[in-house]
N, C-alpha and C. Protein backbone atom coordinates (compact mmCIF):
# COMPACT_ATOMS: atom_id res chain seq x y z
N MET A 1 0.77 -1.13 -0.41
CA MET A 1 -0.15 0.13 0.19
C MET A 1 0.43 1.25 -0.08
N THR A 2 0.39 2.17 -1.12
CA THR A 2 0.81 3.30 -1.03
C THR A 2 0.51 4.71 -0.23
N LEU A 3 1.06 5.34 0.90
CA LEU A 3 -0.09 6.38 1.63
C LEU A 3 0.58 7.61 1.28
N TYR A 4 -0.30 8.77 0.01
CA TYR A 4 -0.13 9.86 -0.23
C TYR A 4 -0.25 10.91 0.26
N CYS A 5 0.61 11.76 1.43
CA CYS A 5 0.04 12.72 1.95
C CYS A 5 0.68 13.76 1.96
N PRO A 6 0.26 14.86 0.78
CA PRO A 6 1.33 16.10 0.23
C PRO A 6 1.09 17.38 1.46
N VAL A 7 1.91 17.98 2.17
CA VAL A 7 1.54 18.87 2.99
C VAL A 7 1.64 20.20 1.43
N THR A 8 2.06 20.33 0.92
CA THR A 8 2.32 21.69 -0.63
C THR A 8 1.83 20.79 -1.50
N PRO A 9 1.19 20.74 -2.62
CA PRO A 9 1.20 20.38 -3.73
C PRO A 9 2.60 20.66 -4.73
N ALA A 10 2.73 19.64 -5.45
CA ALA A 10 4.18 20.02 -6.32
C ALA A 10 3.15 20.20 -7.40
N GLY A 11 4.21 20.92 -7.98
CA GLY A 11 4.59 21.71 -9.48
C GLY A 11 3.39 22.99 -9.52
N PRO A 12 3.14 23.32 -10.61
CA PRO A 12 2.19 24.92 -10.98
C PRO A 12 0.80 24.56 -11.06
N GLY A 13 0.53 22.95 -10.97
CA GLY A 13 -1.22 22.44 -10.93
C GLY A 13 -1.67 23.13 -12.44
N GLU A 14 -3.05 22.31 -12.67
CA GLU A 14 -3.64 22.96 -13.80
C GLU A 14 -4.42 24.24 -13.43
N THR A 15 -5.21 25.34 -14.68
CA THR A 15 -5.71 26.70 -14.20
C THR A 15 -6.81 26.50 -14.97
N ASP A 16 -7.50 26.87 -14.48
CA ASP A 16 -9.09 27.35 -15.08
C ASP A 16 -10.12 28.47 -14.93
N ARG A 17 -11.15 28.60 -15.34
CA ARG A 17 -12.08 29.58 -14.88
C ARG A 17 -13.12 29.20 -15.04
N PRO A 18 -14.07 29.74 -14.16
CA PRO A 18 -15.24 29.60 -14.36
C PRO A 18 -15.91 30.08 -15.90
N ALA A 19 -16.83 29.16 -16.56
CA ALA A 19 -17.58 29.21 -17.70
C ALA A 19 -18.27 30.79 -17.63
N PRO A 20 -17.84 31.06 -18.70
CA PRO A 20 -18.28 32.61 -19.01
C PRO A 20 -20.04 32.86 -17.91
N ASP A 21 -20.75 31.63 -18.53
CA ASP A 21 -22.06 31.97 -18.26
C ASP A 21 -22.82 31.83 -16.98
N ARG A 22 -21.42 31.24 -16.40
CA ARG A 22 -21.96 31.08 -14.49
C ARG A 22 -21.30 32.19 -14.12
N LEU A 23 -20.53 33.00 -14.89
CA LEU A 23 -19.16 33.96 -14.10
C LEU A 23 -20.56 34.82 -13.75
N ILE A 24 -20.29 35.41 -12.13
CA ILE A 24 -21.15 36.93 -11.46
C ILE A 24 -20.21 37.99 -11.44
N SER A 25 -19.21 37.50 -11.08
CA SER A 25 -18.50 39.01 -10.40
C SER A 25 -16.84 38.06 -10.12
N GLY A 26 -16.21 39.58 -10.73
CA GLY A 26 -14.51 38.92 -10.29
C GLY A 26 -14.05 38.67 -11.75
N ASP A 27 -12.89 38.01 -11.79
CA ASP A 27 -12.03 37.03 -12.56
C ASP A 27 -11.51 36.11 -11.91
N PRO A 28 -12.11 34.95 -11.23
CA PRO A 28 -11.47 34.36 -10.08
C PRO A 28 -11.08 33.34 -11.05
N VAL A 29 -9.54 32.39 -10.44
CA VAL A 29 -8.41 31.81 -11.46
C VAL A 29 -8.62 30.73 -10.58
N PHE A 30 -8.90 29.26 -11.04
CA PHE A 30 -8.56 27.91 -10.56
C PHE A 30 -7.50 27.25 -10.47
N THR A 31 -6.78 26.80 -9.78
CA THR A 31 -5.79 26.23 -10.04
C THR A 31 -6.12 24.65 -9.04
N THR A 32 -6.16 23.65 -9.77
CA THR A 32 -6.22 22.36 -9.01
C THR A 32 -5.31 20.87 -9.29
N TRP A 33 -4.38 20.89 -8.69
CA TRP A 33 -3.33 19.73 -8.22
C TRP A 33 -4.18 18.31 -7.76
N ASN A 34 -4.55 17.94 -8.75
CA ASN A 34 -4.92 16.15 -8.80
C ASN A 34 -4.22 15.42 -8.49
N LEU A 35 -4.58 14.83 -7.16
CA LEU A 35 -3.42 13.54 -6.30
C LEU A 35 -3.93 12.10 -6.94
N GLU A 36 -5.36 11.97 -7.01
CA GLU A 36 -5.41 10.81 -7.84
C GLU A 36 -7.04 10.99 -8.28
N GLU A 37 -7.02 9.88 -9.75
CA GLU A 37 -8.32 9.79 -10.42
C GLU A 37 -8.49 8.54 -10.65
N ARG A 38 -9.28 7.93 -9.75
CA ARG A 38 -9.29 6.44 -10.25
C ARG A 38 -10.95 5.87 -10.06
N ASP A 39 -10.97 5.19 -10.54
CA ASP A 39 -12.76 4.21 -10.57
C ASP A 39 -13.61 5.45 -10.20
N GLY A 40 -13.69 6.44 -10.78
CA GLY A 40 -15.06 7.87 -10.20
C GLY A 40 -14.51 8.61 -9.13
N LEU A 41 -13.21 8.02 -9.02
CA LEU A 41 -13.18 8.86 -7.34
C LEU A 41 -11.85 9.89 -7.59
N TYR A 42 -12.08 10.99 -7.52
CA TYR A 42 -11.18 12.11 -7.61
C TYR A 42 -10.85 12.55 -6.22
N CYS A 43 -9.73 13.34 -5.88
CA CYS A 43 -9.29 13.98 -4.65
C CYS A 43 -8.29 14.91 -4.96
N GLY A 44 -7.81 15.30 -4.61
CA GLY A 44 -7.08 17.00 -4.65
C GLY A 44 -6.75 17.98 -4.11
N ILE A 45 -6.54 18.49 -4.09
CA ILE A 45 -6.35 20.23 -3.73
C ILE A 45 -7.03 21.36 -4.88
N TRP A 46 -7.71 21.93 -4.54
CA TRP A 46 -8.14 23.15 -5.58
C TRP A 46 -7.82 24.65 -5.18
N GLN A 47 -7.71 25.54 -5.82
CA GLN A 47 -7.96 27.32 -4.71
C GLN A 47 -8.20 27.88 -5.93
N SER A 48 -8.84 29.02 -5.06
CA SER A 48 -9.78 29.81 -6.30
C SER A 48 -9.25 31.15 -6.00
N THR A 49 -8.76 32.29 -6.69
CA THR A 49 -8.56 33.71 -5.95
C THR A 49 -10.28 34.53 -6.43
N PRO A 50 -10.39 35.47 -5.88
CA PRO A 50 -11.39 35.85 -5.58
C PRO A 50 -12.26 36.23 -6.73
N GLY A 51 -13.55 36.23 -6.34
CA GLY A 51 -14.65 36.00 -7.60
C GLY A 51 -15.87 35.16 -7.57
N ALA A 52 -16.77 35.38 -7.72
CA ALA A 52 -18.16 34.76 -7.73
C ALA A 52 -18.81 34.32 -8.67
N TRP A 53 -19.44 32.43 -8.70
CA TRP A 53 -19.82 32.17 -9.51
C TRP A 53 -21.03 31.43 -9.30
N ARG A 54 -21.98 30.83 -10.60
CA ARG A 54 -23.10 29.93 -10.03
C ARG A 54 -22.11 28.20 -10.17
N ILE A 55 -22.66 27.56 -9.32
CA ILE A 55 -22.54 26.15 -9.16
C ILE A 55 -23.50 24.82 -8.90
N GLU A 56 -23.48 23.98 -9.49
CA GLU A 56 -24.29 23.26 -9.86
C GLU A 56 -23.38 21.66 -9.42
N TYR A 57 -23.86 20.74 -8.37
CA TYR A 57 -23.37 19.52 -8.82
C TYR A 57 -24.17 18.21 -9.14
N ASP A 58 -23.27 17.29 -9.38
CA ASP A 58 -23.95 15.87 -10.15
C ASP A 58 -23.43 15.51 -9.19
N GLU A 59 -21.99 15.45 -8.74
CA GLU A 59 -21.23 14.24 -7.98
C GLU A 59 -21.25 14.48 -6.27
N TRP A 60 -21.30 14.09 -5.37
CA TRP A 60 -20.28 14.05 -4.06
C TRP A 60 -19.14 14.67 -3.89
N GLU A 61 -19.02 15.74 -3.10
CA GLU A 61 -17.55 15.74 -2.47
C GLU A 61 -17.45 16.49 -1.36
N TYR A 62 -17.17 15.95 -0.77
CA TYR A 62 -16.39 16.51 0.44
C TYR A 62 -15.37 16.94 0.51
N CYS A 63 -15.14 18.68 1.65
CA CYS A 63 -14.07 19.48 1.20
C CYS A 63 -14.11 19.60 2.47
N ARG A 64 -12.85 20.40 2.61
CA ARG A 64 -12.05 21.00 4.03
C ARG A 64 -11.54 21.85 3.25
N ILE A 65 -11.44 23.09 4.13
CA ILE A 65 -10.81 24.64 3.77
C ILE A 65 -9.69 24.53 4.21
N LEU A 66 -8.51 24.39 3.37
CA LEU A 66 -7.32 24.63 4.10
C LEU A 66 -7.25 26.14 4.49
N SER A 67 -7.39 27.56 3.26
CA SER A 67 -7.33 28.76 4.16
C SER A 67 -8.13 29.15 3.31
N GLY A 68 -8.03 30.66 3.75
CA GLY A 68 -8.93 31.55 2.74
C GLY A 68 -10.36 31.62 3.79
N HIS A 69 -10.61 32.36 2.70
CA HIS A 69 -12.87 32.61 3.02
C HIS A 69 -13.77 32.48 2.16
N SER A 70 -14.59 31.97 1.67
CA SER A 70 -14.86 31.99 0.76
C SER A 70 -17.07 31.47 1.33
N VAL A 71 -17.64 32.16 0.82
CA VAL A 71 -19.49 32.03 1.10
C VAL A 71 -20.28 31.33 -0.13
N ILE A 72 -20.50 30.50 0.44
CA ILE A 72 -21.22 29.44 0.00
C ILE A 72 -22.80 29.45 0.03
N THR A 73 -23.36 29.78 -0.66
CA THR A 73 -25.05 30.43 -0.80
C THR A 73 -25.86 29.49 -2.23
N ASP A 74 -26.89 28.60 -0.83
CA ASP A 74 -27.36 27.77 -2.17
C ASP A 74 -29.09 28.19 -2.36
N ALA A 75 -29.58 27.70 -2.92
CA ALA A 75 -30.42 28.01 -4.27
C ALA A 75 -31.59 28.90 -3.12
N ASP A 76 -31.85 28.65 -1.71
CA ASP A 76 -32.82 29.04 -0.82
C ASP A 76 -32.16 30.34 -0.80
N GLY A 77 -31.23 30.60 -0.66
CA GLY A 77 -30.54 31.91 -0.54
C GLY A 77 -29.62 31.74 0.95
N VAL A 78 -29.53 30.54 1.41
CA VAL A 78 -28.85 30.00 2.64
C VAL A 78 -27.56 30.96 2.68
N ALA A 79 -26.53 31.40 3.23
CA ALA A 79 -25.64 31.36 3.07
C ALA A 79 -24.84 31.41 3.69
N HIS A 80 -23.84 29.69 3.87
CA HIS A 80 -22.64 29.61 4.74
C HIS A 80 -21.24 30.04 4.43
N ARG A 81 -20.51 31.01 5.67
CA ARG A 81 -19.24 31.32 5.46
C ARG A 81 -18.17 30.01 5.92
N VAL A 82 -16.98 29.51 4.74
CA VAL A 82 -16.37 28.88 5.21
C VAL A 82 -15.14 29.26 5.68
N ARG A 83 -14.12 28.81 5.81
CA ARG A 83 -12.73 29.11 6.49
C ARG A 83 -11.96 27.81 6.72
N ALA A 84 -10.57 28.29 7.03
CA ALA A 84 -9.96 27.36 7.55
C ALA A 84 -10.52 26.54 8.59
N GLY A 85 -10.53 25.14 8.16
CA GLY A 85 -10.50 24.34 9.34
C GLY A 85 -12.12 23.51 9.10
N ASP A 86 -12.59 24.30 8.05
CA ASP A 86 -14.59 23.63 8.19
C ASP A 86 -14.20 22.99 7.23
N SER A 87 -15.20 21.60 7.29
CA SER A 87 -15.42 20.97 6.36
C SER A 87 -16.92 20.32 5.95
N PHE A 88 -17.09 20.14 5.15
CA PHE A 88 -18.49 19.82 4.19
C PHE A 88 -18.78 18.73 3.36
N VAL A 89 -19.90 18.81 2.77
CA VAL A 89 -20.34 17.99 1.96
C VAL A 89 -21.42 18.08 0.97
N LEU A 90 -20.80 18.45 -0.52
CA LEU A 90 -21.88 19.08 -1.49
C LEU A 90 -22.40 17.77 -2.06
N ARG A 91 -23.98 17.40 -2.00
CA ARG A 91 -24.69 16.48 -2.58
C ARG A 91 -24.41 17.05 -3.80
N PRO A 92 -25.23 15.81 -4.89
CA PRO A 92 -25.53 15.71 -6.24
C PRO A 92 -26.93 16.34 -6.15
N GLY A 93 -27.07 17.97 -6.51
CA GLY A 93 -28.04 18.11 -6.86
C GLY A 93 -28.40 19.85 -6.43
N PHE A 94 -26.86 20.12 -5.52
CA PHE A 94 -26.82 21.12 -4.62
C PHE A 94 -26.79 22.16 -5.91
N SER A 95 -27.25 23.32 -5.46
CA SER A 95 -26.92 24.52 -6.48
C SER A 95 -26.85 25.68 -6.25
N GLY A 96 -26.24 26.87 -6.76
CA GLY A 96 -26.19 27.49 -5.56
C GLY A 96 -25.10 28.40 -6.32
N THR A 97 -24.13 29.56 -5.78
CA THR A 97 -23.22 30.45 -5.46
C THR A 97 -22.25 30.00 -4.69
N TRP A 98 -20.88 30.41 -5.54
CA TRP A 98 -19.85 30.37 -4.60
C TRP A 98 -18.93 31.71 -4.48
N GLU A 99 -18.92 32.16 -3.65
CA GLU A 99 -17.84 33.57 -3.44
C GLU A 99 -16.57 33.22 -2.62
N VAL A 100 -15.49 33.36 -3.41
CA VAL A 100 -14.45 33.90 -2.74
C VAL A 100 -13.52 34.90 -2.55
N ILE A 101 -14.13 35.23 -1.03
CA ILE A 101 -13.62 36.55 -0.29
C ILE A 101 -12.21 37.20 -0.45
N GLU A 102 -11.76 36.14 0.40
CA GLU A 102 -10.16 35.60 0.00
C GLU A 102 -9.75 34.71 -0.26
N THR A 103 -8.69 34.51 -1.13
CA THR A 103 -8.19 33.35 -1.96
C THR A 103 -8.41 32.07 -0.90
N THR A 104 -8.92 30.87 -1.40
CA THR A 104 -9.31 30.03 -0.80
C THR A 104 -8.58 29.00 -1.20
N ARG A 105 -8.09 28.14 -0.49
CA ARG A 105 -7.85 26.47 -0.56
C ARG A 105 -8.55 25.72 0.22
N LYS A 106 -8.97 24.51 -0.60
CA LYS A 106 -9.32 23.14 -0.03
C LYS A 106 -8.67 22.27 -0.47
N ASP A 107 -8.54 21.04 0.57
CA ASP A 107 -8.91 20.06 -0.42
C ASP A 107 -10.87 19.03 -0.18
N TYR A 108 -10.16 18.26 -1.20
CA TYR A 108 -11.29 17.51 -1.38
C TYR A 108 -11.01 16.35 -1.77
N VAL A 109 -12.65 15.86 -1.77
CA VAL A 109 -12.46 14.28 -2.77
C VAL A 109 -13.93 14.18 -3.09
N ILE A 110 -14.03 13.96 -4.57
CA ILE A 110 -15.73 13.94 -5.23
C ILE A 110 -14.97 12.49 -5.35
N ARG A 111 -16.69 11.93 -5.70
CA ARG A 111 -17.18 10.56 -5.99
C ARG A 111 -17.85 10.86 -7.01
N LEU A 112 -17.71 10.09 -8.37
CA LEU A 112 -18.86 10.37 -8.90
C LEU A 112 -20.45 9.25 -8.84
């Protein structure tokens, strides 16, 4: 068995931005360091610079905020502030917005 537990992701990671039709404000840049992709399971570290966009989930995602400050607002308008040390699950069917107030880094596990 191999145990892989990086403290800091290696390399520059992959960068992306929200699709133009989902962007609400700012110019957020996403950086993703994928650590594992296997049998419908994905895990790694993700980071975003400030901005806001619409989100819709078709998969399960467990997240733990490593640094920064974001506000995730559900479709009913309930805002959830997340900061370093907070963890949560986003379930399939979740929709709303993600606003990064302060550059946010999280680790994640996604199950399709």
